[in-house]
C-alpha atoms as a PDB file:
ATOM      1  CA  MET A   1      11.395 101.505 153.910  1.00  0.00           C
ATOM      2  CA  LYS A   2      10.347  98.613 151.727  1.00  0.00           C
ATOM      3  CA  THR A   3      11.237  95.089 152.771  1.00  0.00           C
ATOM      4  CA  GLY A   4      11.241  91.676 151.150  1.00  0.00           C
ATOM      5  CA  CYS A   5      12.811  90.727 147.824  1.00  0.00           C
ATOM      6  CA  GLY A   6      12.070  94.083 146.203  1.00  0.00           C
ATOM      7  CA  ALA A   7      15.201  95.907 147.328  1.00  0.00           C
ATOM      8  CA  GLY A   8      14.473  99.130 149.125  1.00  0.00           C
ATOM      9  CA  ARG A   9      16.811 102.065 149.372  1.00  0.00           C
ATOM     10  CA  ILE A  10      19.061 100.506 152.025  1.00  0.00           C
ATOM     11  CA  GLY A  11      19.099  97.120 150.348  1.00  0.00           C
ATOM     12  CA  ALA A  12      19.920  98.578 146.932  1.00  0.00           C
ATOM     13  CA  THR A  13      22.773 100.634 148.381  1.00  0.00           C
ATOM     14  CA  GLN A  14      24.259  97.575 150.085  1.00  0.00           C
ATOM     15  CA  ILE A  15      24.052  95.539 146.871  1.00  0.00           C
ATOM     16  CA  ALA A  16      25.752  98.304 144.894  1.00  0.00           C
ATOM     17  CA  ARG A  17      28.604  98.517 147.416  1.00  0.00           C
ATOM     18  CA  THR A  18      29.322  94.801 147.487  1.00  0.00           C
ATOM     19  CA  GLY A  19      28.734  94.164 143.810  1.00  0.00           C
ATOM     20  CA  TRP A  20      26.529  91.191 144.784  1.00  0.00           C
ATOM     21  CA  ASN A  21      24.208  89.992 142.046  1.00  0.00           C
ATOM     22  CA  PRO A  22      21.273  88.122 143.572  1.00  0.00           C
ATOM     23  CA  SER A  23      20.183  84.945 141.860  1.00  0.00           C
ATOM     24  CA  PRO A  24      16.534  84.335 140.940  1.00  0.00           C
ATOM     25  CA  ASN A  25      16.285  81.912 143.885  1.00  0.00           C
ATOM     26  CA  THR A  26      17.270  84.535 146.460  1.00  0.00           C
ATOM     27  CA  CYS A  27      13.653  85.075 147.396  1.00  0.00           C
ATOM     28  CA  LYS A  28      12.973  81.396 148.004  1.00  0.00           C
ATOM     29  CA  PRO A  29      14.282  81.168 151.602  1.00  0.00           C
ATOM     30  CA  ILE A  30      12.409  84.363 152.470  1.00  0.00           C
ATOM     31  CA  HIS A  31       9.174  83.032 151.011  1.00  0.00           C
ATOM     32  CA  GLU A  32       9.692  79.726 152.835  1.00  0.00           C
ATOM     33  CA  ALA A  33      10.262  81.569 156.109  1.00  0.00           C
ATOM     34  CA  ARG A  34       7.122  83.617 155.518  1.00  0.00           C
ATOM     35  CA  ASN A  35       5.122  80.487 154.725  1.00  0.00           C
ATOM     36  CA  THR A  36       6.376  78.820 157.915  1.00  0.00           C
ATOM     37  CA  ARG A  37       5.492  81.904 159.933  1.00  0.00           C
ATOM     38  CA  ASP A  38       2.054  82.064 158.303  1.00  0.00           C
ATOM     39  CA  ASP A  39       1.437  78.379 159.072  1.00  0.00           C
ATOM     40  CA  THR A  40       2.463  78.920 162.701  1.00  0.00           C
ATOM     41  CA  MET A  41       0.177  81.934 163.035  1.00  0.00           C
ATOM     42  CA  ALA A  42      -2.697  80.046 161.410  1.00  0.00           C
ATOM     43  CA  SER A  43      -2.197  77.140 163.823  1.00  0.00           C
ATOM     44  CA  ALA A  44      -2.063  79.509 166.805  1.00  0.00           C
ATOM     45  CA  LEU A  45      -5.229  81.307 165.687  1.00  0.00           C
ATOM     46  CA  LYS A  46      -6.945  77.955 165.216  1.00  0.00           C
ATOM     47  CA  ASP A  47      -6.016  76.914 168.774  1.00  0.00           C
ATOM     48  CA  ILE A  48      -7.239  80.237 170.163  1.00  0.00           C
ATOM     49  CA  GLY A  49     -10.515  79.920 168.277  1.00  0.00           C
ATOM     50  CA  LYS A  50     -10.996  76.375 169.534  1.00  0.00           C
ATOM     51  CA  THR A  51     -10.266  77.418 173.122  1.00  0.00           C
ATOM     52  CA  LEU A  52     -12.683  80.348 172.966  1.00  0.00           C
ATOM     53  CA  GLY A  53     -15.357  78.074 171.523  1.00  0.00           C
ATOM     54  CA  ILE A  54     -15.012  75.537 174.333  1.00  0.00           C
ATOM     55  CA  VAL A  55     -14.919  78.269 176.991  1.00  0.00           C
ATOM     56  CA  THR A  56     -18.055  79.871 175.537  1.00  0.00           C
ATOM     57  CA  LEU A  57     -19.985  76.583 175.524  1.00  0.00           C
ATOM     58  CA  LEU A  58     -18.972  75.720 179.093  1.00  0.00           C
ATOM     59  CA  ALA A  59     -19.770  79.220 180.317  1.00  0.00           C
ATOM     60  CA  ALA A  60     -23.187  79.062 178.665  1.00  0.00           C
ATOM     61  CA  GLY A  61     -23.876  75.701 180.312  1.00  0.00           C
ATOM     62  CA  PHE A  62     -22.841  76.870 183.795  1.00  0.00           C
ATOM     63  CA  THR A  63     -24.912  80.029 183.350  1.00  0.00           C
ATOM     64  CA  TRP A  64     -27.994  78.156 182.173  1.00  0.00           C
ATOM     65  CA  PHE A  65     -27.948  75.631 185.024  1.00  0.00           C
ATOM     66  CA  GLY A  66     -27.212  78.321 187.614  1.00  0.00           C
ATOM     67  CA  VAL A  67     -24.197  76.616 189.130  1.00  0.00           C
ATOM     68  CA  TYR A  68     -23.463  77.890 192.678  1.00  0.00           C
ATOM     69  CA  GLY A  69     -26.908  79.511 192.685  1.00  0.00           C
ATOM     70  CA  THR A  70     -25.438  82.820 191.575  1.00  0.00           C
ATOM     71  CA  GLY A  71     -27.718  85.788 191.239  1.00  0.00           C
ATOM     72  CA  GLY A  72     -27.476  88.813 189.004  1.00  0.00           C
ATOM     73  CA  SER A  73     -28.466  89.243 185.392  1.00  0.00           C
ATOM     74  CA  LEU A  74     -27.989  86.499 182.833  1.00  0.00           C
ATOM     75  CA  LYS A  75     -25.365  88.521 180.972  1.00  0.00           C
ATOM     76  CA  LEU A  76     -23.387  89.201 184.134  1.00  0.00           C
ATOM     77  CA  ARG A  77     -23.429  85.550 185.177  1.00  0.00           C
ATOM     78  CA  PHE A  78     -22.313  84.475 181.709  1.00  0.00           C
ATOM     79  CA  LEU A  79     -19.493  87.015 181.854  1.00  0.00           C
ATOM     80  CA  MET A  80     -18.443  85.630 185.236  1.00  0.00           C
ATOM     81  CA  TRP A  81     -18.206  82.058 183.987  1.00  0.00           C
ATOM     82  CA  PHE A  82     -16.622  83.084 180.705  1.00  0.00           C
ATOM     83  CA  VAL A  83     -13.848  85.069 182.384  1.00  0.00           C
ATOM     84  CA  THR A  84     -13.335  82.432 185.096  1.00  0.00           C
ATOM     85  CA  MET A  85     -12.957  79.623 182.574  1.00  0.00           C
ATOM     86  CA  LEU A  86     -10.827  81.785 180.325  1.00  0.00           C
ATOM     87  CA  VAL A  87      -8.488  82.343 183.280  1.00  0.00           C
ATOM     88  CA  GLY A  88      -8.226  78.574 183.683  1.00  0.00           C
ATOM     89  CA  SER A  89      -7.576  78.080 179.972  1.00  0.00           C
ATOM     90  CA  VAL A  90      -4.860  80.729 179.876  1.00  0.00           C
ATOM     91  CA  ALA A  91      -3.281  79.289 183.033  1.00  0.00           C
ATOM     92  CA  SER A  92      -3.207  75.836 181.440  1.00  0.00           C
ATOM     93  CA  TYR A  93      -0.873  77.093 178.692  1.00  0.00           C
ATOM     94  CA  TRP A  94       1.720  77.643 181.438  1.00  0.00           C
ATOM     95  CA  VAL A  95       0.779  74.920 183.934  1.00  0.00           C
ATOM     96  CA  VAL A  96       0.651  71.949 181.538  1.00  0.00           C
ATOM     97  CA  PRO A  97       4.187  72.406 180.095  1.00  0.00           C
ATOM     98  CA  PHE A  98       5.493  73.381 183.554  1.00  0.00           C
ATOM     99  CA  VAL A  99       4.244  70.140 185.135  1.00  0.00           C
ATOM    100  CA  PHE A 100       4.147  67.551 182.356  1.00  0.00           C
ATOM    101  CA  GLN A 101       7.150  68.572 180.264  1.00  0.00           C
ATOM    102  CA  THR A 102       9.582  70.320 182.615  1.00  0.00           C
ATOM    103  CA  HIS A 103       9.573  69.947 186.386  1.00  0.00           C
ATOM    104  CA  MET A 104       7.626  66.693 186.884  1.00  0.00           C
ATOM    105  CA  LYS A 105       8.275  64.950 183.585  1.00  0.00           C
ATOM    106  CA  THR A 106       9.461  61.699 185.198  1.00  0.00           C
ATOM    107  CA  SER A 107       6.977  61.702 188.102  1.00  0.00           C
ATOM    108  CA  HIS A 108       4.048  59.301 188.322  1.00  0.00           C
ATOM    109  CA  PRO A 109       1.129  60.403 186.105  1.00  0.00           C
ATOM    110  CA  ALA A 110      -1.205  60.626 189.110  1.00  0.00           C
ATOM    111  CA  LEU A 111       1.145  63.070 190.857  1.00  0.00           C
ATOM    112  CA  ARG A 112       1.432  65.194 187.718  1.00  0.00           C
ATOM    113  CA  ILE A 113      -2.341  65.297 187.297  1.00  0.00           C
ATOM    114  CA  VAL A 114      -2.875  66.368 190.924  1.00  0.00           C
ATOM    115  CA  ALA A 115      -0.121  69.004 190.730  1.00  0.00           C
ATOM    116  CA  ALA A 116      -1.523  70.469 187.510  1.00  0.00           C
ATOM    117  CA  ALA A 117      -5.072  70.493 188.906  1.00  0.00           C
ATOM    118  CA  VAL A 118      -3.944  72.312 192.065  1.00  0.00           C
ATOM    119  CA  LEU A 119      -2.006  74.950 190.116  1.00  0.00           C
ATOM    120  CA  LEU A 120      -4.968  75.499 187.786  1.00  0.00           C
ATOM    121  CA  ALA A 121      -7.453  75.696 190.652  1.00  0.00           C
ATOM    122  CA  ILE A 122      -5.638  78.585 192.368  1.00  0.00           C
ATOM    123  CA  PRO A 123      -6.179  81.356 189.750  1.00  0.00           C
ATOM    124  CA  VAL A 124      -9.633  80.012 188.876  1.00  0.00           C
ATOM    125  CA  THR A 125     -10.737  80.124 192.534  1.00  0.00           C
ATOM    126  CA  ILE A 126      -9.445  83.679 192.927  1.00  0.00           C
ATOM    127  CA  SER A 127     -11.298  84.797 189.796  1.00  0.00           C
ATOM    128  CA  LEU A 128     -14.475  83.015 190.876  1.00  0.00           C
ATOM    129  CA  CYS A 129     -14.462  84.531 194.373  1.00  0.00           C
ATOM    130  CA  ILE A 130     -13.975  88.029 192.963  1.00  0.00           C
ATOM    131  CA  PHE A 131     -16.960  87.644 190.635  1.00  0.00           C
ATOM    132  CA  LEU A 132     -19.152  86.041 193.312  1.00  0.00           C
ATOM    133  CA  ALA A 133     -18.443  88.972 195.612  1.00  0.00           C
ATOM    134  CA  PHE A 134     -19.202  91.367 192.757  1.00  0.00           C
ATOM    135  CA  LEU A 135     -22.561  89.623 192.235  1.00  0.00           C
ATOM    136  CA  GLY A 136     -23.427  90.158 195.875  1.00  0.00           C
ATOM    137  CA  ALA A 137     -22.691  86.693 197.215  1.00  0.00           C
ATOM    138  CA  SER A 138     -21.409  86.659 200.778  1.00  0.00           C
ATOM    139  CA  ILE A 139     -18.048  84.861 200.892  1.00  0.00           C
ATOM    140  CA  SER A 140     -16.151  84.564 204.158  1.00  0.00           C
ATOM    141  CA  LEU A 141     -12.538  83.482 204.491  1.00  0.00           C
ATOM    142  CA  ALA A 142     -13.759  80.159 205.848  1.00  0.00           C
ATOM    143  CA  GLN A 143     -15.700  79.525 202.627  1.00  0.00           C
ATOM    144  CA  ILE A 144     -12.725  80.075 200.312  1.00  0.00           C
ATOM    145  CA  PRO A 145     -11.223  76.590 200.994  1.00  0.00           C
ATOM    146  CA  ILE A 146     -14.631  75.099 200.186  1.00  0.00           C
ATOM    147  CA  GLN A 147     -14.769  76.997 196.897  1.00  0.00           C
ATOM    148  CA  PHE A 148     -11.218  75.861 196.177  1.00  0.00           C
ATOM    149  CA  ALA A 149     -12.212  72.228 196.809  1.00  0.00           C
ATOM    150  CA  TYR A 150     -15.096  72.545 194.314  1.00  0.00           C
ATOM    151  CA  VAL A 151     -12.826  74.050 191.684  1.00  0.00           C
ATOM    152  CA  LEU A 152     -10.104  71.482 192.385  1.00  0.00           C
ATOM    153  CA  ALA A 153     -12.561  68.630 191.863  1.00  0.00           C
ATOM    154  CA  ILE A 154     -13.539  70.018 188.455  1.00  0.00           C
ATOM    155  CA  SER A 155      -9.883  70.653 187.596  1.00  0.00           C
ATOM    156  CA  LEU A 156      -9.010  67.054 188.468  1.00  0.00           C
ATOM    157  CA  VAL A 157     -11.707  65.724 186.148  1.00  0.00           C
ATOM    158  CA  ILE A 158     -10.679  68.013 183.280  1.00  0.00           C
ATOM    159  CA  THR A 159      -6.935  67.395 183.759  1.00  0.00           C
ATOM    160  CA  THR A 160      -7.417  63.628 183.942  1.00  0.00           C
ATOM    161  CA  GLY A 161      -9.547  63.685 180.803  1.00  0.00           C
ATOM    162  CA  GLY A 162      -6.984  65.786 178.972  1.00  0.00           C
ATOM    163  CA  PHE A 163      -4.160  63.480 180.053  1.00  0.00           C
ATOM    164  CA  LEU A 164      -5.987  60.351 178.861  1.00  0.00           C
ATOM    165  CA  ILE A 165      -6.901  61.941 175.526  1.00  0.00           C
ATOM    166  CA  ASP A 166      -3.316  63.083 174.968  1.00  0.00           C
ATOM    167  CA  ARG A 167      -1.975  59.657 175.896  1.00  0.00           C
ATOM    168  CA  ALA A 168      -4.349  57.967 173.438  1.00  0.00           C
ATOM    169  CA  ARG A 169      -3.244  60.409 170.736  1.00  0.00           C
ATOM    170  CA  GLN A 170       0.434  59.683 171.406  1.00  0.00           C
ATOM    171  CA  LEU A 171      -0.137  55.923 171.244  1.00  0.00           C
ATOM    172  CA  ALA A 172      -1.983  56.349 167.945  1.00  0.00           C
ATOM    173  CA  GLU A 173       0.923  58.370 166.548  1.00  0.00           C
ATOM    174  CA  LEU A 174       3.400  55.710 167.685  1.00  0.00           C
ATOM    175  CA  GLU A 175       1.647  53.097 165.560  1.00  0.00           C
ATOM    176  CA  ASP A 176       2.775  54.929 162.414  1.00  0.00           C
ATOM    177  CA  ALA A 177       6.166  56.069 163.723  1.00  0.00           C
ATOM    178  CA  GLU A 178       9.476  54.795 162.353  1.00  0.00           C
ATOM    179  CA  PRO A 179      11.591  52.617 164.712  1.00  0.00           C
ATOM    180  CA  GLU A 180      14.219  55.338 165.203  1.00  0.00           C
ATOM    181  CA  ASP A 181      11.496  57.872 165.999  1.00  0.00           C
ATOM    182  CA  ARG A 182      10.126  55.553 168.664  1.00  0.00           C
ATOM    183  CA  VAL A 183      13.551  55.330 170.308  1.00  0.00           C
ATOM    184  CA  ALA A 184      14.025  59.097 170.123  1.00  0.00           C
ATOM    185  CA  GLY A 185      10.604  59.625 171.686  1.00  0.00           C
ATOM    186  CA  PHE A 186      11.408  57.218 174.507  1.00  0.00           C
ATOM    187  CA  LEU A 187      14.812  58.802 175.179  1.00  0.00           C
ATOM    188  CA  SER A 188      13.145  62.220 175.408  1.00  0.00           C
ATOM    189  CA  ARG A 189      11.931  61.090 178.838  1.00  0.00           C
ATOM    190  CA  LEU A 190      15.545  61.124 180.026  1.00  0.00           C
ATOM    191  CA  PRO A 191      17.784  64.123 180.811  1.00  0.00           C
ATOM    192  CA  VAL A 192      19.041  66.116 177.847  1.00  0.00           C
ATOM    193  CA  ARG A 193      22.469  64.441 177.736  1.00  0.00           C
ATOM    194  CA  TYR A 194      20.802  61.192 176.646  1.00  0.00           C
ATOM    195  CA  ARG A 195      19.153  62.718 173.569  1.00  0.00           C
ATOM    196  CA  GLY A 196      20.549  60.979 170.507  1.00  0.00           C
ATOM    197  CA  ALA A 197      22.100  58.170 172.573  1.00  0.00           C
ATOM    198  CA  ASP A 198      22.167  54.522 171.480  1.00  0.00           C
ATOM    199  CA  LEU A 199      19.603  52.561 173.478  1.00  0.00           C
ATOM    200  CA  TRP A 200      20.967  49.164 174.522  1.00  0.00           C
ATOM    201  CA  ALA A 201      18.510  47.742 177.034  1.00  0.00           C
ATOM    202  CA  ILE A 202      15.902  48.406 179.711  1.00  0.00           C
ATOM    203  CA  SER A 203      15.662  46.585 183.027  1.00  0.00           C
ATOM    204  CA  SER A 204      12.892  46.781 185.603  1.00  0.00           C
ATOM    205  CA  GLU A 205      13.624  47.709 189.232  1.00  0.00           C
ATOM    206  CA  ASP A 206      10.501  47.861 191.402  1.00  0.00           C
ATOM    207  CA  HIS A 207       8.411  50.723 189.951  1.00  0.00           C
ATOM    208  CA  TYR A 208      11.349  52.123 187.989  1.00  0.00           C
ATOM    209  CA  LEU A 209      13.145  51.281 184.765  1.00  0.00           C
ATOM    210  CA  ARG A 210      16.904  51.400 184.375  1.00  0.00           C
ATOM    211  CA  VAL A 211      17.685  52.605 180.871  1.00  0.00           C
ATOM    212  CA  HIS A 212      21.027  51.327 179.528  1.00  0.00           C
ATOM    213  CA  THR A 213      22.634  53.486 176.814  1.00  0.00           C
ATOM    214  CA  ASP A 214      26.064  54.203 175.358  1.00  0.00           C
ATOM    215  CA  ARG A 215      26.105  57.358 177.502  1.00  0.00           C
ATOM    216  CA  GLY A 216      25.400  55.656 180.794  1.00  0.00           C
ATOM    217  CA  GLU A 217      22.368  54.544 182.765  1.00  0.00           C
ATOM    218  CA  GLU A 218      19.349  56.422 184.081  1.00  0.00           C
ATOM    219  CA  LEU A 219      16.320  55.530 186.201  1.00  0.00           C
ATOM    220  CA  ILE A 220      12.836  56.612 185.139  1.00  0.00           C
ATOM    221  CA  LEU A 221       9.427  55.977 186.672  1.00  0.00           C
ATOM    222  CA  MET A 222       7.657  53.768 184.138  1.00  0.00           C
ATOM    223  CA  ARG A 223       6.347  50.253 183.659  1.00  0.00           C
ATOM    224  CA  LEU A 224       8.280  47.868 181.431  1.00  0.00           C
ATOM    225  CA  ALA A 225       5.104  46.977 179.537  1.00  0.00           C
ATOM    226  CA  ASP A 226       4.484  50.645 178.706  1.00  0.00           C
ATOM    227  CA  ALA A 227       8.090  51.125 177.594  1.00  0.00           C
ATOM    228  CA  MET A 228       7.964  48.092 175.288  1.00  0.00           C
ATOM    229  CA  ARG A 229       4.677  49.278 173.804  1.00  0.00           C
ATOM    230  CA  GLU A 230       6.219  52.670 173.146  1.00  0.00           C
ATOM    231  CA  LEU A 231       9.386  51.242 171.572  1.00  0.00           C
ATOM    232  CA  GLY A 232       7.579  48.704 169.388  1.00  0.00           C
ATOM    233  CA  GLU A 233       8.700  45.295 168.152  1.00  0.00           C
ATOM    234  CA  ASP A 234      11.194  46.492 165.542  1.00  0.00           C
ATOM    235  CA  ASN A 235      13.723  47.949 167.991  1.00  0.00           C
ATOM    236  CA  GLY A 236      14.244  44.982 170.290  1.00  0.00           C
ATOM    237  CA  LEU A 237      12.537  42.266 172.284  1.00  0.00           C
ATOM    238  CA  GLN A 238      11.804  41.095 175.788  1.00  0.00           C
ATOM    239  CA  THR A 239      14.301  38.538 177.093  1.00  0.00           C
ATOM    240  CA  HIS A 240      13.091  38.199 180.664  1.00  0.00           C
ATOM    241  CA  ARG A 241      10.133  39.333 182.747  1.00  0.00           C
ATOM    242  CA  SER A 242      12.230  42.316 183.832  1.00  0.00           C
ATOM    243  CA  TRP A 243      14.424  42.881 180.752  1.00  0.00           C
ATOM    244  CA  TRP A 244      14.062  44.305 177.244  1.00  0.00           C
ATOM    245  CA  VAL A 245      17.116  44.324 174.955  1.00  0.00           C
ATOM    246  CA  SER A 246      17.730  46.335 171.804  1.00  0.00           C
ATOM    247  CA  HIS A 247      18.859  44.536 168.650  1.00  0.00           C
ATOM    248  CA  ASN A 248      21.824  46.928 168.546  1.00  0.00           C
ATOM    249  CA  GLY A 249      22.770  46.553 172.198  1.00  0.00           C
ATOM    250  CA  VAL A 250      24.124  42.995 172.211  1.00  0.00           C
ATOM    251  CA  ALA A 251      27.876  42.399 171.960  1.00  0.00           C
ATOM    252  CA  ASP A 252      28.050  38.679 172.827  1.00  0.00           C
ATOM    253  CA  THR A 253      26.233  35.730 174.395  1.00  0.00           C
ATOM    254  CA  ARG A 254      27.204  33.406 177.223  1.00  0.00           C
ATOM    255  CA  ARG A 255      25.843  30.391 179.029  1.00  0.00           C
ATOM    256  CA  THR A 256      26.173  30.359 182.793  1.00  0.00           C
ATOM    257  CA  ASN A 257      25.073  27.184 184.589  1.00  0.00           C
ATOM    258  CA  GLY A 258      23.025  26.271 181.532  1.00  0.00           C
ATOM    259  CA  LYS A 259      21.293  29.655 181.449  1.00  0.00           C
ATOM    260  CA  LEU A 260      21.542  31.891 178.390  1.00  0.00           C
ATOM    261  CA  VAL A 261      22.810  35.419 179.012  1.00  0.00           C
ATOM    262  CA  LEU A 262      23.180  38.316 176.575  1.00  0.00           C
ATOM    263  CA  ILE A 263      26.249  40.513 177.062  1.00  0.00           C
ATOM    264  CA  LEU A 264      25.471  44.149 176.348  1.00  0.00           C
ATOM    265  CA  LYS A 265      28.013  46.484 174.770  1.00  0.00           C
ATOM    266  CA  SER A 266      28.480  47.983 178.218  1.00  0.00           C
ATOM    267  CA  GLY A 267      29.478  44.600 179.637  1.00  0.00           C
ATOM    268  CA  GLN A 268      26.210  44.303 181.566  1.00  0.00           C
ATOM    269  CA  GLU A 269      24.587  40.853 181.489  1.00  0.00           C
ATOM    270  CA  ALA A 270      20.945  40.592 180.436  1.00  0.00           C
ATOM    271  CA  PRO A 271      19.277  37.299 181.437  1.00  0.00           C
ATOM    272  CA  VAL A 272      17.218  35.269 178.972  1.00  0.00           C
ATOM    273  CA  SER A 273      14.486  33.117 180.485  1.00  0.00           C
ATOM    274  CA  ARG A 274      13.291  29.870 178.876  1.00  0.00           C
ATOM    275  CA  THR A 275      10.041  31.527 177.836  1.00  0.00           C
ATOM    276  CA  TYR A 276      11.806  34.073 175.631  1.00  0.00           C
ATOM    277  CA  GLN A 277      14.710  31.942 174.323  1.00  0.00           C
ATOM    278  CA  PRO A 278      12.914  30.999 171.056  1.00  0.00           C
ATOM    279  CA  ASN A 279      12.297  34.678 170.268  1.00  0.00           C
ATOM    280  CA  VAL A 280      15.901  35.585 171.088  1.00  0.00           C
ATOM    281  CA  ARG A 281      17.221  32.864 168.765  1.00  0.00           C
ATOM    282  CA  ALA A 282      14.765  33.836 166.021  1.00  0.00           C
ATOM    283  CA  ALA A 283      16.055  37.407 166.232  1.00  0.00           C
ATOM    284  CA  GLY A 284      19.614  36.149 165.741  1.00  0.00           C
ATOM    285  CA  LEU A 285      20.797  37.357 169.134  1.00  0.00           C
ATOM    286  CA  ALA A 286      21.860  33.893 170.319  1.00  0.00           C
END
C-alpha cells in the first residue's frame, strides 16, 4: 500500500466515498511532520555519534595507560573499556533525567550530583567486574566495594563537570531570553500546577525561597541571588536583602512607622529597605 500524498488504493476509495476534494496544500502538514521527524532523527543520530566518539576516545586512553593494570590483549582491553563506558553513557540517559528533572529537581545540587554518580557507578562497576574476571583478574567480594569506590570517584568528577557545563549553558541562554521566558523557566522549578502562573514575588527563608504567585505559595531550595540572576532585571527588582518583587505583583504601597512597604496582590507585605528605595521609586512602584 502506498502512503503519503499520492493516494493509494485505500485512500482513493475513501476520497471517492466522501466526495472530498483535497486542496493543493493538503500535503503541507504531512511534509512539515516529516521534516520535524527527520530533524529529530538527525539530532538523535548526531547525539549518538558524539557519544560514541567520546566513549571511543576515553576507552582508547584507558587502554593505552593500562588503568587497573589489566592484562589480556590490547583489543580485548579496549573492548572492556569501550563496553564499560558505553554502559555508563547509556545509563546516563536514564539517570540524569531521573535525578535532575524528576525525583530530585528541587534538591540541593550537591545531593543531585552525588545521587546521579552513585546510580551511574552501579551498572559501570558490575560491567567492569565482569570484564576483569573475564580477563583473568582475581576479584573477591571484598574487592568489589573498592572497585565501586574507584568508579564512584570518576563518576563524581564527570557528573560535576557535566552539571557545571550545563549550568553555564543555561545561564548563557538566559542572557538572550525574553522576560516572559525567564519567568516560565523559573516557574518550571515548581510543581506542575504553577506552570503558567503569575509570579508576584520571592522571599528568602534560610536556605529556601518562598515563591509568591496567583496560584499560591511554594518553597524551593535556591539562593535569592541565583533566582534574581535567572529572572533578570526586566521582570522585577530587589526591595530588601531577602525580597524580590515582580513589577506585576504590586497592588498598593503603605508606610508603616516610616518604613515603605509594598502590598502584593495577595495581600502579603513586602518590605522595602532604605538601600533599595531609590530603585523602587524609579520603577514606579512607590
